[in-house]
Amino acid sequence: MVKHTTEIRLVNSGDVTLAKKGFISPEEVRQVIVKDALVDTGALRLSLPKSIIQRLGLELVGKAKSLTANGIVDRTIYSGVEFTVLGRKGLLEIPDLPDDAPVLVGHMELLDLCLDIKRGLIYNPAHDGEWIEDQL
């Protein structure tokens, strides 16, 4: 099985709001760059290990059940993260993963990206590299 990874930039969206309103400086916005996030075509969300959630200072917002390869597990959901992959940005609430798990990058349809088995994560070739956001 071939594993594909990608670089992803993660930013605490609450910090971004506070910085825009002048409550904190832009330098205080918590962010992490992960060079080798695992592209998981079976994942419906972007999921982060608890240690990265703590570094970003995300807040607990709820609980959810998650279907994994090991069965159904309880996950904690945390406040929003602005993320950037291949120059495209999105915003999602984040379920946690154990600290020994990699960052899982799922749901890339949100950014009109897809996985090419040979090249990894790429812009959707059906759209000639253009980002088509609303695909109804």
C-alpha atoms as a PDB file:
ATOM      1  CA  MET A   1       0.000   0.000   0.000  1.00  0.00           C
ATOM      2  CA  VAL A   2       1.372   3.399  -1.026  1.00  0.00           C
ATOM      3  CA  LYS A   3       1.072   6.165   1.567  1.00  0.00           C
ATOM      4  CA  HIS A   4       0.757   9.745   0.387  1.00  0.00           C
ATOM      5  CA  THR A   5       1.599  12.697   2.559  1.00  0.00           C
ATOM      6  CA  THR A   6       1.231  16.427   2.177  1.00  0.00           C
ATOM      7  CA  GLU A   7       2.270  19.578   3.964  1.00  0.00           C
ATOM      8  CA  ILE A   8      -0.534  21.284   5.882  1.00  0.00           C
ATOM      9  CA  ARG A   9      -0.561  24.579   7.765  1.00  0.00           C
ATOM     10  CA  LEU A  10      -2.886  24.657  10.782  1.00  0.00           C
ATOM     11  CA  VAL A  11      -3.976  27.892  12.491  1.00  0.00           C
ATOM     12  CA  ASN A  12      -6.228  28.425  15.509  1.00  0.00           C
ATOM     13  CA  SER A  13      -9.191  30.261  13.933  1.00  0.00           C
ATOM     14  CA  GLY A  14     -10.189  31.819  17.277  1.00  0.00           C
ATOM     15  CA  ASP A  15      -6.729  33.389  17.508  1.00  0.00           C
ATOM     16  CA  VAL A  16      -7.123  34.752  13.975  1.00  0.00           C
ATOM     17  CA  THR A  17     -10.363  36.462  15.017  1.00  0.00           C
ATOM     18  CA  LEU A  18      -8.755  37.891  18.162  1.00  0.00           C
ATOM     19  CA  ALA A  19      -5.813  39.222  16.126  1.00  0.00           C
ATOM     20  CA  LYS A  20      -8.136  40.844  13.569  1.00  0.00           C
ATOM     21  CA  LYS A  21      -9.962  42.610  16.406  1.00  0.00           C
ATOM     22  CA  GLY A  22      -6.678  43.762  17.948  1.00  0.00           C
ATOM     23  CA  PHE A  23      -6.951  41.712  21.162  1.00  0.00           C
ATOM     24  CA  ILE A  24      -3.729  39.808  20.420  1.00  0.00           C
ATOM     25  CA  SER A  25      -0.856  40.497  18.059  1.00  0.00           C
ATOM     26  CA  PRO A  26      -0.531  38.514  14.809  1.00  0.00           C
ATOM     27  CA  GLU A  27       2.609  36.933  16.292  1.00  0.00           C
ATOM     28  CA  GLU A  28       0.480  35.416  19.090  1.00  0.00           C
ATOM     29  CA  VAL A  29      -1.717  33.444  16.666  1.00  0.00           C
ATOM     30  CA  ARG A  30      -0.966  29.786  17.343  1.00  0.00           C
ATOM     31  CA  GLN A  31      -0.077  27.750  14.275  1.00  0.00           C
ATOM     32  CA  VAL A  32       1.657  24.527  13.313  1.00  0.00           C
ATOM     33  CA  ILE A  33       3.064  23.334   9.993  1.00  0.00           C
ATOM     34  CA  VAL A  34       3.016  19.564   9.515  1.00  0.00           C
ATOM     35  CA  LYS A  35       5.316  18.455   6.696  1.00  0.00           C
ATOM     36  CA  ASP A  36       4.114  14.856   6.452  1.00  0.00           C
ATOM     37  CA  ALA A  37       0.365  14.745   7.100  1.00  0.00           C
ATOM     38  CA  LEU A  38      -1.153  11.495   5.859  1.00  0.00           C
ATOM     39  CA  VAL A  39      -3.684  11.856   3.032  1.00  0.00           C
ATOM     40  CA  ASP A  40      -6.490   9.489   4.058  1.00  0.00           C
ATOM     41  CA  THR A  41      -9.041   8.919   1.303  1.00  0.00           C
ATOM     42  CA  GLY A  42     -11.304   7.143   3.796  1.00  0.00           C
ATOM     43  CA  ALA A  43     -11.345  10.027   6.273  1.00  0.00           C
ATOM     44  CA  LEU A  44     -14.246  12.454   6.167  1.00  0.00           C
ATOM     45  CA  ARG A  45     -12.491  15.086   8.260  1.00  0.00           C
ATOM     46  CA  LEU A  46      -9.157  16.563   9.079  1.00  0.00           C
ATOM     47  CA  SER A  47      -8.141  14.868  12.361  1.00  0.00           C
ATOM     48  CA  LEU A  48      -5.292  15.830  14.677  1.00  0.00           C
ATOM     49  CA  PRO A  49      -3.361  14.120  17.468  1.00  0.00           C
ATOM     50  CA  LYS A  50      -4.125  15.543  20.904  1.00  0.00           C
ATOM     51  CA  SER A  51      -0.620  17.023  21.231  1.00  0.00           C
ATOM     52  CA  ILE A  52      -1.160  19.235  18.164  1.00  0.00           C
ATOM     53  CA  ILE A  53      -4.637  20.205  19.398  1.00  0.00           C
ATOM     54  CA  GLN A  54      -2.996  21.343  22.649  1.00  0.00           C
ATOM     55  CA  ARG A  55      -0.241  23.270  20.819  1.00  0.00           C
ATOM     56  CA  LEU A  56      -2.915  25.092  18.829  1.00  0.00           C
ATOM     57  CA  GLY A  57      -4.915  25.832  21.985  1.00  0.00           C
ATOM     58  CA  LEU A  58      -8.188  24.493  20.554  1.00  0.00           C
ATOM     59  CA  GLU A  59     -11.265  24.382  22.785  1.00  0.00           C
ATOM     60  CA  LEU A  60     -13.580  21.438  23.339  1.00  0.00           C
ATOM     61  CA  VAL A  61     -16.901  21.886  21.522  1.00  0.00           C
ATOM     62  CA  GLY A  62     -18.481  18.420  21.704  1.00  0.00           C
ATOM     63  CA  LYS A  63     -18.284  14.679  21.270  1.00  0.00           C
ATOM     64  CA  ALA A  64     -18.947  12.375  18.317  1.00  0.00           C
ATOM     65  CA  LYS A  65     -18.838   8.711  17.400  1.00  0.00           C
ATOM     66  CA  SER A  66     -16.401   7.823  14.651  1.00  0.00           C
ATOM     67  CA  LEU A  67     -16.233   4.701  12.490  1.00  0.00           C
ATOM     68  CA  THR A  68     -12.612   3.577  12.174  1.00  0.00           C
ATOM     69  CA  ALA A  69     -10.826   0.476  10.900  1.00  0.00           C
ATOM     70  CA  ASN A  70     -10.904  -0.711  14.535  1.00  0.00           C
ATOM     71  CA  GLY A  71     -14.646  -0.157  14.956  1.00  0.00           C
ATOM     72  CA  ILE A  72     -16.685   2.682  16.427  1.00  0.00           C
ATOM     73  CA  VAL A  73     -14.820   4.970  18.821  1.00  0.00           C
ATOM     74  CA  ASP A  74     -15.691   8.116  20.764  1.00  0.00           C
ATOM     75  CA  ARG A  75     -13.927  11.263  19.611  1.00  0.00           C
ATOM     76  CA  THR A  76     -13.738  14.713  21.140  1.00  0.00           C
ATOM     77  CA  ILE A  77     -14.436  17.588  18.746  1.00  0.00           C
ATOM     78  CA  TYR A  78     -12.466  20.827  19.072  1.00  0.00           C
ATOM     79  CA  SER A  79     -12.902  24.397  17.875  1.00  0.00           C
ATOM     80  CA  GLY A  80     -12.114  25.451  14.344  1.00  0.00           C
ATOM     81  CA  VAL A  81      -8.808  25.293  12.559  1.00  0.00           C
ATOM     82  CA  GLU A  82      -7.974  27.235   9.441  1.00  0.00           C
ATOM     83  CA  PHE A  83      -5.890  24.928   7.288  1.00  0.00           C
ATOM     84  CA  THR A  84      -3.947  25.378   4.075  1.00  0.00           C
ATOM     85  CA  VAL A  85      -3.095  22.558   1.668  1.00  0.00           C
ATOM     86  CA  LEU A  86      -1.512  23.217  -1.748  1.00  0.00           C
ATOM     87  CA  GLY A  87      -2.287  26.913  -1.333  1.00  0.00           C
ATOM     88  CA  ARG A  88      -6.002  26.371  -0.695  1.00  0.00           C
ATOM     89  CA  LYS A  89      -7.605  27.267   2.632  1.00  0.00           C
ATOM     90  CA  GLY A  90     -10.488  25.799   4.577  1.00  0.00           C
ATOM     91  CA  LEU A  91     -12.000  25.908   8.057  1.00  0.00           C
ATOM     92  CA  LEU A  92     -13.153  22.854  10.037  1.00  0.00           C
ATOM     93  CA  GLU A  93     -13.849  21.727  13.575  1.00  0.00           C
ATOM     94  CA  ILE A  94     -11.365  19.010  14.522  1.00  0.00           C
ATOM     95  CA  PRO A  95     -11.781  15.526  16.002  1.00  0.00           C
ATOM     96  CA  ASP A  96      -8.931  14.250  18.139  1.00  0.00           C
ATOM     97  CA  LEU A  97      -6.642  11.303  17.526  1.00  0.00           C
ATOM     98  CA  PRO A  98      -4.255   9.513  19.876  1.00  0.00           C
ATOM     99  CA  ASP A  99      -0.799  11.085  20.062  1.00  0.00           C
ATOM    100  CA  ASP A 100       0.806   8.135  18.268  1.00  0.00           C
ATOM    101  CA  ALA A 101      -1.404   8.728  15.188  1.00  0.00           C
ATOM    102  CA  PRO A 102      -0.367  10.932  12.265  1.00  0.00           C
ATOM    103  CA  VAL A 103      -2.308  13.995  11.187  1.00  0.00           C
ATOM    104  CA  LEU A 104      -5.033  12.616   8.899  1.00  0.00           C
ATOM    105  CA  VAL A 105      -6.025  14.803   5.974  1.00  0.00           C
ATOM    106  CA  GLY A 106      -9.467  13.786   4.769  1.00  0.00           C
ATOM    107  CA  HIS A 107     -12.376  15.561   3.061  1.00  0.00           C
ATOM    108  CA  MET A 108     -10.163  17.300   0.501  1.00  0.00           C
ATOM    109  CA  GLU A 109     -13.122  17.620  -1.845  1.00  0.00           C
ATOM    110  CA  LEU A 110     -13.795  20.777   0.176  1.00  0.00           C
ATOM    111  CA  LEU A 111     -10.683  22.240  -1.478  1.00  0.00           C
ATOM    112  CA  ASP A 112     -11.347  20.613  -4.871  1.00  0.00           C
ATOM    113  CA  LEU A 113      -8.300  18.371  -4.452  1.00  0.00           C
ATOM    114  CA  CYS A 114      -8.007  14.665  -5.183  1.00  0.00           C
ATOM    115  CA  LEU A 115      -5.488  11.897  -4.725  1.00  0.00           C
ATOM    116  CA  ASP A 116      -3.517  10.674  -7.719  1.00  0.00           C
ATOM    117  CA  ILE A 117      -2.046   7.285  -6.901  1.00  0.00           C
ATOM    118  CA  LYS A 118       1.295   8.190  -8.538  1.00  0.00           C
ATOM    119  CA  ARG A 119       1.601  11.911  -7.754  1.00  0.00           C
ATOM    120  CA  GLY A 120      -0.184  12.197  -4.406  1.00  0.00           C
ATOM    121  CA  LEU A 121      -2.555  15.031  -3.580  1.00  0.00           C
ATOM    122  CA  ILE A 122      -3.257  17.154  -6.678  1.00  0.00           C
ATOM    123  CA  TYR A 123      -5.626  19.827  -7.955  1.00  0.00           C
ATOM    124  CA  ASN A 124      -8.770  18.289  -9.452  1.00  0.00           C
ATOM    125  CA  PRO A 125      -7.806  17.625 -13.101  1.00  0.00           C
ATOM    126  CA  ALA A 126     -11.452  17.942 -14.167  1.00  0.00           C
ATOM    127  CA  HIS A 127     -11.211  21.664 -13.390  1.00  0.00           C
ATOM    128  CA  ASP A 128      -7.855  22.455 -15.043  1.00  0.00           C
ATOM    129  CA  GLY A 129      -6.292  23.557 -11.748  1.00  0.00           C
ATOM    130  CA  GLU A 130      -9.066  26.058 -10.983  1.00  0.00           C
ATOM    131  CA  TRP A 131     -10.680  25.867  -7.561  1.00  0.00           C
ATOM    132  CA  ILE A 132     -14.376  25.148  -8.044  1.00  0.00           C
ATOM    133  CA  GLU A 133     -15.817  25.541  -4.551  1.00  0.00           C
ATOM    134  CA  ASP A 134     -19.505  24.750  -4.929  1.00  0.00           C
ATOM    135  CA  GLN A 135     -20.059  21.454  -6.681  1.00  0.00           C
ATOM    136  CA  LEU A 136     -23.812  20.907  -6.390  1.00  0.00           C
END
